[in-house]
Every structure is written in structure tokens, then in C-alpha cells.
C-alpha atoms as a PDB file:
ATOM      1  CA  UNK A   1      44.664  78.792  26.123  1.00  0.00           C
ATOM      2  CA  UNK A   2      43.769  81.082  28.778  1.00  0.00           C
ATOM      3  CA  UNK A   3      45.314  84.013  26.365  1.00  0.00           C
ATOM      4  CA  UNK A   4      43.375  82.673  23.739  1.00  0.00           C
ATOM      5  CA  UNK A   5      40.109  82.908  25.967  1.00  0.00           C
ATOM      6  CA  UNK A   6      41.136  86.895  26.462  1.00  0.00           C
ATOM      7  CA  UNK A   7      41.662  87.939  22.871  1.00  0.00           C
ATOM      8  CA  UNK A   8      38.489  85.968  21.864  1.00  0.00           C
ATOM      9  CA  UNK A   9      36.608  88.073  25.140  1.00  0.00           C
ATOM     10  CA  UNK A  10      37.837  91.478  24.155  1.00  0.00           C
ATOM     11  CA  UNK A  11      37.301  91.012  20.537  1.00  0.00           C
ATOM     12  CA  UNK A  12      33.905  89.723  21.354  1.00  0.00           C
ATOM     13  CA  UNK A  13      33.481  92.811  23.822  1.00  0.00           C
ATOM     14  CA  UNK A  14      34.939  95.242  21.357  1.00  0.00           C
ATOM     15  CA  UNK A  15      32.889  94.038  18.594  1.00  0.00           C
ATOM     16  CA  UNK A  16      29.669  94.477  20.793  1.00  0.00           C
ATOM     17  CA  UNK A  17      30.610  97.474  21.871  1.00  0.00           C
ATOM     18  CA  UNK A  18      31.703  99.351  18.369  1.00  0.00           C
ATOM     19  CA  UNK A  19      27.797  98.529  17.546  1.00  0.00           C
ATOM     20  CA  UNK A  20      26.336  99.784  20.745  1.00  0.00           C
ATOM     21  CA  UNK A  21      27.974 103.193  19.400  1.00  0.00           C
ATOM     22  CA  UNK A  22      26.454 102.384  15.846  1.00  0.00           C
ATOM     23  CA  UNK A  23      23.442 102.280  17.352  1.00  0.00           C
ATOM     24  CA  UNK A  24      23.716 105.304  19.426  1.00  0.00           C
ATOM     25  CA  UNK A  25      24.872 107.297  16.508  1.00  0.00           C
ATOM     26  CA  UNK A  26      21.665 106.255  14.554  1.00  0.00           C
ATOM     27  CA  UNK A  27      18.962 106.742  16.979  1.00  0.00           C
ATOM     28  CA  UNK A  28      20.673 110.649  16.946  1.00  0.00           C
ATOM     29  CA  UNK A  29      20.655 110.949  13.902  1.00  0.00           C
ATOM     30  CA  UNK A  30      18.043 113.556  12.415  1.00  0.00           C
ATOM     31  CA  UNK A  31      18.328 112.340   9.026  1.00  0.00           C
ATOM     32  CA  UNK A  32      17.245 108.573   9.624  1.00  0.00           C
ATOM     33  CA  UNK A  33      13.236 107.920   9.580  1.00  0.00           C
ATOM     34  CA  UNK A  34      11.680 106.195  12.775  1.00  0.00           C
ATOM     35  CA  UNK A  35      11.211 103.471  11.215  1.00  0.00           C
ATOM     36  CA  UNK A  36      14.743 102.873   9.854  1.00  0.00           C
ATOM     37  CA  UNK A  37      16.143 103.823  13.356  1.00  0.00           C
ATOM     38  CA  UNK A  38      14.677 100.908  14.672  1.00  0.00           C
ATOM     39  CA  UNK A  39      15.190  98.267  12.071  1.00  0.00           C
ATOM     40  CA  UNK A  40      19.247  98.993  12.120  1.00  0.00           C
ATOM     41  CA  UNK A  41      18.860  98.957  15.768  1.00  0.00           C
ATOM     42  CA  UNK A  42      17.338  95.659  16.037  1.00  0.00           C
ATOM     43  CA  UNK A  43      19.729  94.282  13.448  1.00  0.00           C
ATOM     44  CA  UNK A  44      22.987  95.834  15.433  1.00  0.00           C
ATOM     45  CA  UNK A  45      21.309  94.214  18.204  1.00  0.00           C
ATOM     46  CA  UNK A  46      20.832  90.804  16.956  1.00  0.00           C
ATOM     47  CA  UNK A  47      24.777  91.439  15.836  1.00  0.00           C
ATOM     48  CA  UNK A  48      25.950  92.561  18.902  1.00  0.00           C
ATOM     49  CA  UNK A  49      24.058  90.703  21.892  1.00  0.00           C
ATOM     50  CA  UNK A  50      25.166  87.263  21.139  1.00  0.00           C
ATOM     51  CA  UNK A  51      29.081  88.637  21.355  1.00  0.00           C
ATOM     52  CA  UNK A  52      28.439  90.164  24.290  1.00  0.00           C
ATOM     53  CA  UNK A  53      27.007  87.336  25.832  1.00  0.00           C
ATOM     54  CA  UNK A  54      30.085  85.438  25.073  1.00  0.00           C
ATOM     55  CA  UNK A  55      32.846  87.501  25.545  1.00  0.00           C
ATOM     56  CA  UNK A  56      31.128  87.830  29.308  1.00  0.00           C
ATOM     57  CA  UNK A  57      31.206  84.446  29.907  1.00  0.00           C
ATOM     58  CA  UNK A  58      34.510  83.551  28.301  1.00  0.00           C
ATOM     59  CA  UNK A  59      36.228  86.476  31.253  1.00  0.00           C
ATOM     60  CA  UNK A  60      33.645  85.307  33.908  1.00  0.00           C
ATOM     61  CA  UNK A  61      34.936  81.743  33.680  1.00  0.00           C
ATOM     62  CA  UNK A  62      38.389  82.914  33.397  1.00  0.00           C
ATOM     63  CA  UNK A  63      37.790  84.742  36.504  1.00  0.00           C
ATOM     64  CA  UNK A  64      36.861  81.444  37.977  1.00  0.00           C
ATOM     65  CA  UNK A  65      39.530  79.590  36.822  1.00  0.00           C
ATOM     66  CA  UNK A  66      42.394  82.143  37.580  1.00  0.00           C
ATOM     67  CA  UNK A  67      40.150  81.728  41.318  1.00  0.00           C
ATOM     68  CA  UNK A  68      40.669  78.122  41.580  1.00  0.00           C
ATOM     69  CA  UNK A  69      44.326  78.073  40.568  1.00  0.00           C
ATOM     70  CA  UNK A  70      44.767  80.551  43.551  1.00  0.00           C
ATOM     71  CA  UNK A  71      43.398  78.736  45.708  1.00  0.00           C
ATOM     72  CA  UNK A  72      45.140  75.314  44.610  1.00  0.00           C
ATOM     73  CA  UNK A  73      48.390  77.323  44.740  1.00  0.00           C
ATOM     74  CA  UNK A  74      47.081  78.624  48.477  1.00  0.00           C
ATOM     75  CA  UNK A  75      46.673  74.679  49.637  1.00  0.00           C
ATOM     76  CA  UNK A  76      49.843  73.455  47.928  1.00  0.00           C
ATOM     77  CA  UNK A  77      51.678  76.234  49.986  1.00  0.00           C
ATOM     78  CA  UNK A  78      49.915  75.519  53.017  1.00  0.00           C
ATOM     79  CA  UNK A  79      50.810  71.647  52.611  1.00  0.00           C
ATOM     80  CA  UNK A  80      54.331  72.709  51.823  1.00  0.00           C
ATOM     81  CA  UNK A  81      54.658  74.788  54.935  1.00  0.00           C
ATOM     82  CA  UNK A  82      52.621  72.355  57.271  1.00  0.00           C
ATOM     83  CA  UNK A  83      55.014  69.364  56.087  1.00  0.00           C
ATOM     84  CA  UNK A  84      58.207  71.518  56.797  1.00  0.00           C
ATOM     85  CA  UNK A  85      57.068  71.681  60.188  1.00  0.00           C
ATOM     86  CA  UNK A  86      56.988  68.185  60.652  1.00  0.00           C
ATOM     87  CA  UNK A  87      60.127  67.586  59.452  1.00  0.00           C
ATOM     88  CA  UNK A  88      61.960  69.994  61.512  1.00  0.00           C
ATOM     89  CA  UNK A  89      60.222  69.223  64.819  1.00  0.00           C
ATOM     90  CA  UNK A  90      60.854  65.688  63.989  1.00  0.00           C
ATOM     91  CA  UNK A  91      64.252  66.088  63.244  1.00  0.00           C
ATOM     92  CA  UNK A  92      64.755  67.981  66.774  1.00  0.00           C
ATOM     93  CA  UNK A  93      62.459  66.063  69.180  1.00  0.00           C
ATOM     94  CA  UNK A  94      59.647  68.558  68.737  1.00  0.00           C
ATOM     95  CA  UNK A  95      62.312  71.931  68.702  1.00  0.00           C
ATOM     96  CA  UNK A  96      61.736  74.356  65.981  1.00  0.00           C
ATOM     97  CA  UNK A  97      62.496  78.056  65.834  1.00  0.00           C
ATOM     98  CA  UNK A  98      61.196  80.400  63.677  1.00  0.00           C
ATOM     99  CA  UNK A  99      65.013  81.702  61.915  1.00  0.00           C
ATOM    100  CA  UNK A 100      65.131  77.826  61.328  1.00  0.00           C
ATOM    101  CA  UNK A 101      61.631  77.712  60.089  1.00  0.00           C
ATOM    102  CA  UNK A 102      62.012  80.646  58.100  1.00  0.00           C
ATOM    103  CA  UNK A 103      65.329  79.585  56.461  1.00  0.00           C
ATOM    104  CA  UNK A 104      63.924  76.098  55.291  1.00  0.00           C
ATOM    105  CA  UNK A 105      60.512  77.547  54.103  1.00  0.00           C
ATOM    106  CA  UNK A 106      61.942  80.216  52.890  1.00  0.00           C
ATOM    107  CA  UNK A 107      59.898  82.704  54.260  1.00  0.00           C
ATOM    108  CA  UNK A 108      59.829  86.622  55.425  1.00  0.00           C
ATOM    109  CA  UNK A 109      60.535  86.022  59.221  1.00  0.00           C
ATOM    110  CA  UNK A 110      57.141  87.690  60.621  1.00  0.00           C
ATOM    111  CA  UNK A 111      55.679  85.127  58.041  1.00  0.00           C
ATOM    112  CA  UNK A 112      57.707  82.500  59.392  1.00  0.00           C
ATOM    113  CA  UNK A 113      56.694  83.370  63.249  1.00  0.00           C
ATOM    114  CA  UNK A 114      53.002  84.152  62.911  1.00  0.00           C
ATOM    115  CA  UNK A 115      53.042  80.665  60.863  1.00  0.00           C
ATOM    116  CA  UNK A 116      54.799  79.121  63.515  1.00  0.00           C
ATOM    117  CA  UNK A 117      52.583  80.771  65.802  1.00  0.00           C
ATOM    118  CA  UNK A 118      49.194  79.540  64.678  1.00  0.00           C
ATOM    119  CA  UNK A 119      50.710  75.691  64.413  1.00  0.00           C
ATOM    120  CA  UNK A 120      51.919  76.113  68.265  1.00  0.00           C
ATOM    121  CA  UNK A 121      47.954  77.272  68.904  1.00  0.00           C
ATOM    122  CA  UNK A 122      46.505  74.513  66.598  1.00  0.00           C
ATOM    123  CA  UNK A 123      48.898  71.266  68.067  1.00  0.00           C
ATOM    124  CA  UNK A 124      49.276  72.909  71.789  1.00  0.00           C
ATOM    125  CA  UNK A 125      52.725  73.634  71.406  1.00  0.00           C
ATOM    126  CA  UNK A 126      54.819  75.146  74.606  1.00  0.00           C
ATOM    127  CA  UNK A 127      56.841  77.895  74.073  1.00  0.00           C
ATOM    128  CA  UNK A 128      60.621  78.406  75.703  1.00  0.00           C
ATOM    129  CA  UNK A 129      63.247  81.352  74.769  1.00  0.00           C
ATOM    130  CA  UNK A 130      67.202  81.272  73.890  1.00  0.00           C
ATOM    131  CA  UNK A 131      69.538  83.401  75.861  1.00  0.00           C
ATOM    132  CA  UNK A 132      69.367  85.706  72.984  1.00  0.00           C
ATOM    133  CA  UNK A 133      65.481  85.827  73.182  1.00  0.00           C
ATOM    134  CA  UNK A 134      64.073  83.379  70.535  1.00  0.00           C
ATOM    135  CA  UNK A 135      61.279  81.754  70.518  1.00  0.00           C
ATOM    136  CA  UNK A 136      61.865  77.802  70.242  1.00  0.00           C
ATOM    137  CA  UNK A 137      58.353  76.176  70.030  1.00  0.00           C
ATOM    138  CA  UNK A 138      58.284  72.467  71.249  1.00  0.00           C
ATOM    139  CA  UNK A 139      55.543  70.548  69.436  1.00  0.00           C
ATOM    140  CA  UNK A 140      54.295  67.299  71.275  1.00  0.00           C
ATOM    141  CA  UNK A 141      55.836  64.391  69.865  1.00  0.00           C
END
């Protein structure tokens, strides 16, 4: 459906642009009388304005739909990550490492650590360190 909307929108806008070009050409045509220029220009405007409005409206609608879809995907990702933190904390007496979280969530290490840091702030988690320097997040259980 989105592809059809894109094709129709760009078709409408292309048609309107073509008519604008004709209007400019006719406006500078020395062989046309001012009356003919007005009549032709008005006719082209009447033929070009509705498709231009439809094209702009369709593109605005597509942009809005894409924005909503992105927001829904971000919300779903946030829920998925939050659920993984809950599950790891519950399975390990509240302890979660960034390595294990990154592994389960399939995130890059820096992104996993940043997410756990934010969760630690949100939930008041404590920090411990392993002998190798890895952070252990201790969430309240």
C-alpha cells in the first residue's frame, strides 16, 4: 500500500510540476496575447493544483505513518530490553552483567552498558566489580 501511495504521490507532483513548466513557458511566449496567456495559465492552474494538493497530502500521510511505525518499533525494542533485564535479574538474584545482557539482547557492548546504566539509575541498582573489572549491576529483588 505504501508503494502505491508513493507512486501516486510522485505521479501527481510530477504532473503538477509539468504544468507549472508549461505555465512558465507560456508566460514568456511573445506570440501569445495577454488574454490567451491568462486563459491558458488559469486552465493549467486548474488542472495542476488538485494533483499537487493530493501529492503533498499523500506524502505527508506517508511521512506520518512512517513516524508512527518508528515510534512503535522503538517502544517494542524498549519493552524487549526491559523484559530481558527483568528476566536476567530474576534468574541471578538481581545480578546482571553488561556482557550477559549484551549477549542475550544481541546489542553492542557500549549500547548494552549504556542501557544498563540507565536501568540502574531508574531502579536504584548498586554496582560491584569483578576481578577483571566488569561491572555487576545489583538490582533490588
